[in-house]
Amino acid sequence: MRIQRYMGVDYGEKRIGLARADDELMMAVPHRVYVLGDDFQEDLEYLAIYIKTEADAIIMGLPLTKEGTEGQMCEKVRDFARELQFLTDLPVHFQDERFSTRANEGLLQGMRTEDRKKLVDALAAAGILQTWLDKTKSIRQMGASRD
């Protein structure tokens, strides 16, 4: 039986951070940052092909407000996720991403601003994926023990 492969996604209007889970599904690892160009549909199709070859499921960060409600950005994320799900035919799971970007910025102190911007999105995607892996660990283990 092949292990599920998960891809964490931190959607932004300029950059999209990607992260992968290790083979044991214990740790999320920052993978890459995709910088969006002028043709969103072209970017979306490229990302769909890339993610489809790298993952079996997508864990999408959902930027809830501090109060835990959905704002305007959540709508954009959900639209993006819907398109990605349609193009990849992969399941999409949402994970609260509050504080994922801010929590990782401290790790990058001392780096040049441009380098930090590139890495922070991949680290945010890893934070989103790690939270989801931790939250679903017992559920995934129960499913594996039934196989």
N, C-alpha and C. Protein backbone atom coordinates (compact mmCIF):
# COMPACT_ATOMS: atom_id res chain seq x y z
N MET A 1 0.83 -1.18 0.00
CA MET A 1 0.00 0.00 0.00
C MET A 1 0.88 1.25 0.00
N ARG A 2 0.56 2.19 -0.87
CA ARG A 2 1.32 3.42 -0.99
C ARG A 2 0.83 4.45 0.02
N ILE A 3 1.75 5.17 0.61
CA ILE A 3 1.43 6.21 1.58
C ILE A 3 0.83 7.41 0.85
N GLN A 4 -0.19 7.99 1.47
CA GLN A 4 -0.78 9.21 0.92
C GLN A 4 0.26 10.32 0.90
N ARG A 5 0.21 11.13 -0.14
CA ARG A 5 1.10 12.29 -0.25
C ARG A 5 0.25 13.55 -0.12
N TYR A 6 0.63 14.43 0.81
CA TYR A 6 -0.12 15.64 1.06
C TYR A 6 0.69 16.87 0.67
N MET A 7 0.00 17.85 0.08
CA MET A 7 0.63 19.12 -0.31
C MET A 7 -0.08 20.23 0.44
N GLY A 8 0.67 20.97 1.25
CA GLY A 8 0.13 22.14 1.93
C GLY A 8 0.23 23.34 1.00
N VAL A 9 -0.81 24.16 0.99
CA VAL A 9 -0.85 25.32 0.09
C VAL A 9 -1.21 26.57 0.89
N ASP A 10 -0.36 27.59 0.77
CA ASP A 10 -0.63 28.90 1.34
C ASP A 10 -0.89 29.85 0.17
N TYR A 11 -2.17 30.15 -0.07
CA TYR A 11 -2.55 30.99 -1.21
C TYR A 11 -2.37 32.47 -0.89
N GLY A 12 -1.75 33.18 -1.81
CA GLY A 12 -1.63 34.62 -1.73
C GLY A 12 -1.87 35.20 -3.11
N GLU A 13 -2.15 36.47 -3.17
CA GLU A 13 -2.45 37.09 -4.45
C GLU A 13 -1.21 37.34 -5.30
N LYS A 14 -0.03 37.24 -4.69
CA LYS A 14 1.22 37.41 -5.43
C LYS A 14 2.05 36.14 -5.47
N ARG A 15 2.02 35.37 -4.37
CA ARG A 15 2.82 34.15 -4.26
C ARG A 15 2.00 33.04 -3.63
N ILE A 16 2.35 31.81 -3.99
CA ILE A 16 1.69 30.65 -3.40
C ILE A 16 2.79 29.76 -2.82
N GLY A 17 2.71 29.54 -1.52
CA GLY A 17 3.67 28.68 -0.84
C GLY A 17 3.21 27.24 -0.87
N LEU A 18 4.16 26.34 -1.08
CA LEU A 18 3.87 24.91 -1.13
C LEU A 18 4.76 24.17 -0.13
N ALA A 19 4.19 23.14 0.47
CA ALA A 19 4.94 22.30 1.41
C ALA A 19 4.50 20.86 1.20
N ARG A 20 5.38 19.93 1.54
CA ARG A 20 5.07 18.50 1.44
C ARG A 20 5.27 17.84 2.79
N ALA A 21 4.56 16.74 2.98
CA ALA A 21 4.75 15.94 4.18
C ALA A 21 5.85 14.91 3.91
N ASP A 22 6.60 14.57 4.95
CA ASP A 22 7.60 13.52 4.79
C ASP A 22 6.89 12.17 4.62
N ASP A 23 7.63 11.13 4.30
CA ASP A 23 7.04 9.82 4.01
C ASP A 23 6.31 9.21 5.21
N GLU A 24 6.71 9.57 6.41
CA GLU A 24 6.07 9.04 7.61
C GLU A 24 4.85 9.86 8.03
N LEU A 25 4.59 10.95 7.31
CA LEU A 25 3.48 11.86 7.61
C LEU A 25 3.57 12.44 9.01
N MET A 26 4.80 12.66 9.45
CA MET A 26 5.04 13.23 10.77
C MET A 26 5.42 14.71 10.70
N MET A 27 6.04 15.11 9.59
CA MET A 27 6.60 16.45 9.52
C MET A 27 6.33 17.07 8.15
N ALA A 28 5.90 18.32 8.17
CA ALA A 28 5.72 19.10 6.95
C ALA A 28 7.03 19.81 6.63
N VAL A 29 7.38 19.82 5.36
CA VAL A 29 8.64 20.41 4.92
C VAL A 29 8.35 21.49 3.87
N PRO A 30 8.85 22.73 4.08
CA PRO A 30 8.67 23.75 3.05
C PRO A 30 9.22 23.23 1.72
N HIS A 31 8.49 23.46 0.66
CA HIS A 31 8.89 22.90 -0.63
C HIS A 31 9.30 23.98 -1.62
N ARG A 32 8.39 24.88 -1.94
CA ARG A 32 8.73 25.94 -2.89
C ARG A 32 7.71 27.06 -2.84
N VAL A 33 8.04 28.15 -3.47
CA VAL A 33 7.13 29.28 -3.61
C VAL A 33 6.94 29.53 -5.09
N TYR A 34 5.69 29.62 -5.49
CA TYR A 34 5.36 29.91 -6.88
C TYR A 34 4.92 31.36 -6.95
N VAL A 35 5.60 32.15 -7.77
CA VAL A 35 5.26 33.56 -7.94
C VAL A 35 4.28 33.68 -9.09
N LEU A 36 3.13 34.26 -8.81
CA LEU A 36 2.10 34.39 -9.83
C LEU A 36 2.49 35.43 -10.86
N GLY A 37 2.15 35.15 -12.10
CA GLY A 37 2.43 36.07 -13.20
C GLY A 37 1.20 36.87 -13.58
N ASP A 38 1.17 37.29 -14.84
CA ASP A 38 0.06 38.12 -15.33
C ASP A 38 -1.15 37.30 -15.77
N ASP A 39 -0.96 36.02 -16.06
CA ASP A 39 -2.05 35.17 -16.56
C ASP A 39 -2.43 34.16 -15.48
N PHE A 40 -3.45 34.51 -14.69
CA PHE A 40 -3.83 33.67 -13.55
C PHE A 40 -4.25 32.28 -13.99
N GLN A 41 -4.99 32.17 -15.08
CA GLN A 41 -5.46 30.86 -15.54
C GLN A 41 -4.27 29.97 -15.92
N GLU A 42 -3.28 30.55 -16.55
CA GLU A 42 -2.06 29.80 -16.90
C GLU A 42 -1.33 29.34 -15.63
N ASP A 43 -1.23 30.22 -14.66
CA ASP A 43 -0.61 29.87 -13.38
C ASP A 43 -1.38 28.74 -12.69
N LEU A 44 -2.69 28.84 -12.70
CA LEU A 44 -3.54 27.84 -12.06
C LEU A 44 -3.36 26.48 -12.73
N GLU A 45 -3.33 26.46 -14.04
CA GLU A 45 -3.17 25.20 -14.76
C GLU A 45 -1.79 24.58 -14.49
N TYR A 46 -0.75 25.42 -14.45
CA TYR A 46 0.59 24.92 -14.14
C TYR A 46 0.62 24.31 -12.74
N LEU A 47 0.08 25.05 -11.76
CA LEU A 47 0.06 24.56 -10.39
C LEU A 47 -0.74 23.26 -10.27
N ALA A 48 -1.85 23.18 -10.98
CA ALA A 48 -2.68 21.96 -10.94
C ALA A 48 -1.89 20.76 -11.44
N ILE A 49 -1.19 20.92 -12.55
CA ILE A 49 -0.39 19.82 -13.09
C ILE A 49 0.72 19.45 -12.12
N TYR A 50 1.39 20.45 -11.58
CA TYR A 50 2.49 20.21 -10.65
C TYR A 50 2.00 19.49 -9.40
N ILE A 51 0.93 20.00 -8.80
CA ILE A 51 0.42 19.41 -7.56
C ILE A 51 -0.10 18.00 -7.82
N LYS A 52 -0.74 17.78 -8.94
CA LYS A 52 -1.28 16.45 -9.26
C LYS A 52 -0.16 15.40 -9.32
N THR A 53 1.03 15.80 -9.79
CA THR A 53 2.15 14.85 -9.86
C THR A 53 2.83 14.65 -8.51
N GLU A 54 2.62 15.58 -7.58
CA GLU A 54 3.33 15.54 -6.30
C GLU A 54 2.47 15.11 -5.12
N ALA A 55 1.14 15.11 -5.28
CA ALA A 55 0.27 14.90 -4.11
C ALA A 55 -0.96 14.08 -4.45
N ASP A 56 -1.54 13.51 -3.39
CA ASP A 56 -2.81 12.79 -3.47
C ASP A 56 -3.94 13.59 -2.84
N ALA A 57 -3.59 14.61 -2.06
CA ALA A 57 -4.58 15.47 -1.42
C ALA A 57 -3.95 16.83 -1.15
N ILE A 58 -4.79 17.86 -1.13
CA ILE A 58 -4.35 19.24 -0.94
C ILE A 58 -4.87 19.74 0.40
N ILE A 59 -3.98 20.33 1.18
CA ILE A 59 -4.35 20.95 2.44
C ILE A 59 -4.20 22.45 2.25
N MET A 60 -5.32 23.15 2.15
CA MET A 60 -5.35 24.56 1.80
C MET A 60 -5.54 25.40 3.05
N GLY A 61 -4.66 26.37 3.23
CA GLY A 61 -4.80 27.28 4.36
C GLY A 61 -6.01 28.18 4.18
N LEU A 62 -6.77 28.36 5.24
CA LEU A 62 -7.95 29.22 5.21
C LEU A 62 -7.70 30.38 6.17
N PRO A 63 -7.60 31.61 5.62
CA PRO A 63 -7.23 32.77 6.44
C PRO A 63 -8.42 33.36 7.20
N LEU A 64 -8.81 32.69 8.26
CA LEU A 64 -9.91 33.18 9.08
C LEU A 64 -9.50 34.46 9.79
N THR A 65 -10.48 35.24 10.19
CA THR A 65 -10.20 36.45 10.96
C THR A 65 -9.78 36.05 12.38
N LYS A 66 -9.31 37.02 13.15
CA LYS A 66 -8.92 36.74 14.54
C LYS A 66 -10.08 36.15 15.34
N GLU A 67 -11.29 36.51 14.96
CA GLU A 67 -12.48 36.02 15.65
C GLU A 67 -12.90 34.63 15.17
N GLY A 68 -12.23 34.13 14.11
CA GLY A 68 -12.56 32.81 13.60
C GLY A 68 -13.63 32.79 12.52
N THR A 69 -13.95 33.95 11.98
CA THR A 69 -14.95 34.03 10.92
C THR A 69 -14.27 34.15 9.56
N GLU A 70 -15.05 33.90 8.51
CA GLU A 70 -14.50 34.00 7.16
C GLU A 70 -14.71 35.39 6.60
N GLY A 71 -13.64 35.96 6.06
CA GLY A 71 -13.71 37.27 5.45
C GLY A 71 -13.59 37.16 3.93
N GLN A 72 -13.28 38.27 3.31
CA GLN A 72 -13.19 38.35 1.85
C GLN A 72 -12.08 37.45 1.29
N MET A 73 -10.96 37.36 1.99
CA MET A 73 -9.86 36.54 1.50
C MET A 73 -10.22 35.06 1.52
N CYS A 74 -11.02 34.65 2.48
CA CYS A 74 -11.46 33.24 2.52
C CYS A 74 -12.25 32.89 1.27
N GLU A 75 -13.05 33.81 0.80
CA GLU A 75 -13.82 33.58 -0.43
C GLU A 75 -12.88 33.36 -1.62
N LYS A 76 -11.83 34.17 -1.70
CA LYS A 76 -10.85 34.01 -2.78
C LYS A 76 -10.14 32.66 -2.67
N VAL A 77 -9.78 32.27 -1.45
CA VAL A 77 -9.11 30.99 -1.23
C VAL A 77 -10.04 29.85 -1.62
N ARG A 78 -11.29 29.92 -1.21
CA ARG A 78 -12.24 28.86 -1.55
C ARG A 78 -12.45 28.77 -3.07
N ASP A 79 -12.51 29.92 -3.76
CA ASP A 79 -12.63 29.92 -5.22
C ASP A 79 -11.41 29.26 -5.86
N PHE A 80 -10.23 29.63 -5.38
CA PHE A 80 -8.99 29.04 -5.88
C PHE A 80 -8.97 27.54 -5.63
N ALA A 81 -9.37 27.13 -4.44
CA ALA A 81 -9.39 25.70 -4.09
C ALA A 81 -10.38 24.93 -4.97
N ARG A 82 -11.53 25.53 -5.24
CA ARG A 82 -12.52 24.90 -6.11
C ARG A 82 -11.94 24.65 -7.51
N GLU A 83 -11.27 25.66 -8.04
CA GLU A 83 -10.64 25.53 -9.36
C GLU A 83 -9.55 24.47 -9.35
N LEU A 84 -8.74 24.48 -8.31
CA LEU A 84 -7.65 23.51 -8.18
C LEU A 84 -8.21 22.09 -8.05
N GLN A 85 -9.26 21.94 -7.28
CA GLN A 85 -9.89 20.63 -7.12
C GLN A 85 -10.46 20.14 -8.46
N PHE A 86 -11.09 21.03 -9.20
CA PHE A 86 -11.65 20.68 -10.50
C PHE A 86 -10.55 20.22 -11.46
N LEU A 87 -9.44 20.96 -11.49
CA LEU A 87 -8.35 20.64 -12.43
C LEU A 87 -7.53 19.42 -12.02
N THR A 88 -7.43 19.15 -10.73
CA THR A 88 -6.59 18.03 -10.28
C THR A 88 -7.39 16.78 -9.95
N ASP A 89 -8.66 16.95 -9.66
CA ASP A 89 -9.52 15.86 -9.18
C ASP A 89 -8.99 15.27 -7.88
N LEU A 90 -8.33 16.12 -7.07
CA LEU A 90 -7.81 15.71 -5.77
C LEU A 90 -8.70 16.29 -4.67
N PRO A 91 -8.81 15.59 -3.54
CA PRO A 91 -9.57 16.17 -2.43
C PRO A 91 -8.82 17.37 -1.85
N VAL A 92 -9.59 18.36 -1.43
CA VAL A 92 -9.04 19.55 -0.79
C VAL A 92 -9.59 19.63 0.63
N HIS A 93 -8.69 19.76 1.59
CA HIS A 93 -9.06 19.92 2.99
C HIS A 93 -8.62 21.33 3.40
N PHE A 94 -9.44 22.01 4.18
CA PHE A 94 -9.10 23.35 4.63
C PHE A 94 -8.57 23.30 6.06
N GLN A 95 -7.59 24.16 6.31
CA GLN A 95 -6.98 24.25 7.64
C GLN A 95 -6.85 25.72 8.01
N ASP A 96 -7.32 26.08 9.19
CA ASP A 96 -7.18 27.44 9.70
C ASP A 96 -5.70 27.82 9.65
N GLU A 97 -5.43 28.92 9.00
CA GLU A 97 -4.02 29.33 8.85
C GLU A 97 -3.68 30.57 9.67
N ARG A 98 -4.58 30.96 10.55
CA ARG A 98 -4.29 32.16 11.35
C ARG A 98 -2.92 32.03 11.99
N PHE A 99 -2.16 33.06 11.85
CA PHE A 99 -0.84 33.18 12.48
C PHE A 99 0.25 32.32 11.84
N SER A 100 -0.05 31.55 10.78
CA SER A 100 0.97 30.68 10.19
C SER A 100 2.11 31.49 9.58
N THR A 101 1.79 32.58 8.88
CA THR A 101 2.84 33.40 8.28
C THR A 101 3.61 34.15 9.36
N ARG A 102 2.88 34.81 10.24
CA ARG A 102 3.51 35.62 11.29
C ARG A 102 4.38 34.76 12.21
N ALA A 103 3.95 33.56 12.49
CA ALA A 103 4.70 32.67 13.39
C ALA A 103 6.06 32.31 12.81
N ASN A 104 6.16 32.27 11.51
CA ASN A 104 7.41 31.86 10.87
C ASN A 104 8.34 33.02 10.55
N GLU A 105 7.84 34.24 10.57
CA GLU A 105 8.68 35.38 10.22
C GLU A 105 9.87 35.53 11.17
N GLY A 106 9.69 35.18 12.43
CA GLY A 106 10.78 35.27 13.40
C GLY A 106 11.95 34.36 13.05
N LEU A 107 11.65 33.25 12.39
CA LEU A 107 12.70 32.32 11.99
C LEU A 107 13.61 32.90 10.92
N LEU A 108 13.13 33.93 10.24
CA LEU A 108 13.85 34.46 9.08
C LEU A 108 14.50 35.81 9.36
N GLN A 109 14.57 36.21 10.62
CA GLN A 109 15.18 37.49 10.95
C GLN A 109 16.63 37.50 10.49
N GLY A 110 17.04 38.64 9.99
CA GLY A 110 18.41 38.79 9.51
C GLY A 110 18.56 38.53 8.02
N MET A 111 17.54 37.98 7.40
CA MET A 111 17.61 37.73 5.95
C MET A 111 17.18 38.98 5.21
N ARG A 112 17.63 39.09 3.98
CA ARG A 112 17.18 40.19 3.13
C ARG A 112 15.67 40.09 2.94
N THR A 113 15.02 41.23 2.81
CA THR A 113 13.56 41.27 2.71
C THR A 113 13.05 40.41 1.56
N GLU A 114 13.65 40.51 0.40
CA GLU A 114 13.18 39.75 -0.77
C GLU A 114 13.34 38.24 -0.55
N ASP A 115 14.46 37.82 0.03
CA ASP A 115 14.66 36.40 0.33
C ASP A 115 13.64 35.92 1.37
N ARG A 116 13.39 36.77 2.36
CA ARG A 116 12.45 36.42 3.42
C ARG A 116 11.04 36.25 2.85
N LYS A 117 10.64 37.15 1.95
CA LYS A 117 9.31 37.06 1.33
C LYS A 117 9.13 35.75 0.59
N LYS A 118 10.17 35.31 -0.06
CA LYS A 118 10.08 34.06 -0.83
C LYS A 118 9.94 32.85 0.09
N LEU A 119 10.68 32.84 1.18
CA LEU A 119 10.66 31.69 2.08
C LEU A 119 9.45 31.66 3.01
N VAL A 120 8.95 32.82 3.40
CA VAL A 120 7.90 32.85 4.40
C VAL A 120 6.63 32.15 3.90
N ASP A 121 6.36 32.20 2.60
CA ASP A 121 5.17 31.55 2.07
C ASP A 121 5.29 30.03 2.10
N ALA A 122 6.47 29.51 1.81
CA ALA A 122 6.68 28.06 1.90
C ALA A 122 6.64 27.61 3.35
N LEU A 123 7.18 28.42 4.26
CA LEU A 123 7.12 28.09 5.69
C LEU A 123 5.68 28.14 6.19
N ALA A 124 4.90 29.11 5.69
CA ALA A 124 3.48 29.19 6.07
C ALA A 124 2.74 27.94 5.59
N ALA A 125 3.03 27.51 4.37
CA ALA A 125 2.41 26.28 3.84
C ALA A 125 2.78 25.08 4.71
N ALA A 126 4.03 25.04 5.16
CA ALA A 126 4.47 23.94 6.03
C ALA A 126 3.74 24.02 7.38
N GLY A 127 3.53 25.22 7.90
CA GLY A 127 2.79 25.37 9.15
C GLY A 127 1.35 24.91 9.01
N ILE A 128 0.73 25.23 7.90
CA ILE A 128 -0.65 24.80 7.62
C ILE A 128 -0.71 23.28 7.55
N LEU A 129 0.20 22.70 6.79
CA LEU A 129 0.22 21.25 6.62
C LEU A 129 0.54 20.55 7.94
N GLN A 130 1.50 21.09 8.70
CA GLN A 130 1.87 20.47 9.98
C GLN A 130 0.69 20.46 10.95
N THR A 131 -0.02 21.57 11.01
CA THR A 131 -1.19 21.64 11.88
C THR A 131 -2.21 20.58 11.48
N TRP A 132 -2.45 20.44 10.19
CA TRP A 132 -3.42 19.45 9.71
C TRP A 132 -2.93 18.02 9.99
N LEU A 133 -1.63 17.76 9.76
CA LEU A 133 -1.09 16.43 10.04
C LEU A 133 -1.26 16.07 11.52
N ASP A 134 -0.94 17.03 12.39
CA ASP A 134 -1.07 16.79 13.83
C ASP A 134 -2.52 16.56 14.22
N LYS A 135 -3.41 17.36 13.65
CA LYS A 135 -4.83 17.29 13.99
C LYS A 135 -5.47 15.97 13.52
N THR A 136 -5.01 15.45 12.41
CA THR A 136 -5.64 14.26 11.82
C THR A 136 -4.85 12.97 12.05
N LYS A 137 -3.79 13.04 12.82
CA LYS A 137 -2.92 11.87 13.01
C LYS A 137 -3.69 10.65 13.50
N SER A 138 -4.47 10.79 14.54
CA SER A 138 -5.18 9.63 15.09
C SER A 138 -6.20 9.08 14.11
N ILE A 139 -6.85 9.95 13.36
CA ILE A 139 -7.83 9.51 12.37
C ILE A 139 -7.14 8.72 11.26
N ARG A 140 -6.00 9.24 10.78
CA ARG A 140 -5.26 8.55 9.72
C ARG A 140 -4.72 7.21 10.21
N GLN A 141 -4.29 7.14 11.48
CA GLN A 141 -3.76 5.88 12.02
C GLN A 141 -4.86 4.83 12.16
N MET A 142 -6.06 5.26 12.53
CA MET A 142 -7.18 4.31 12.61
C MET A 142 -7.51 3.75 11.23
N GLY A 143 -7.48 4.60 10.22
CA GLY A 143 -7.75 4.15 8.86
C GLY A 143 -6.70 3.18 8.37
N ALA A 144 -5.44 3.43 8.72
CA ALA A 144 -4.34 2.55 8.30
C ALA A 144 -4.42 1.19 8.99
N SER A 145 -4.90 1.17 10.24
CA SER A 145 -4.96 -0.10 10.96
C SER A 145 -6.08 -0.99 10.43
N ARG A 146 -7.04 -0.42 9.73
CA ARG A 146 -8.13 -1.20 9.14
C ARG A 146 -7.73 -1.86 7.83
N ASP A 147 -6.70 -1.33 7.19
CA ASP A 147 -6.28 -1.87 5.87
C ASP A 147 -5.64 -3.23 5.96
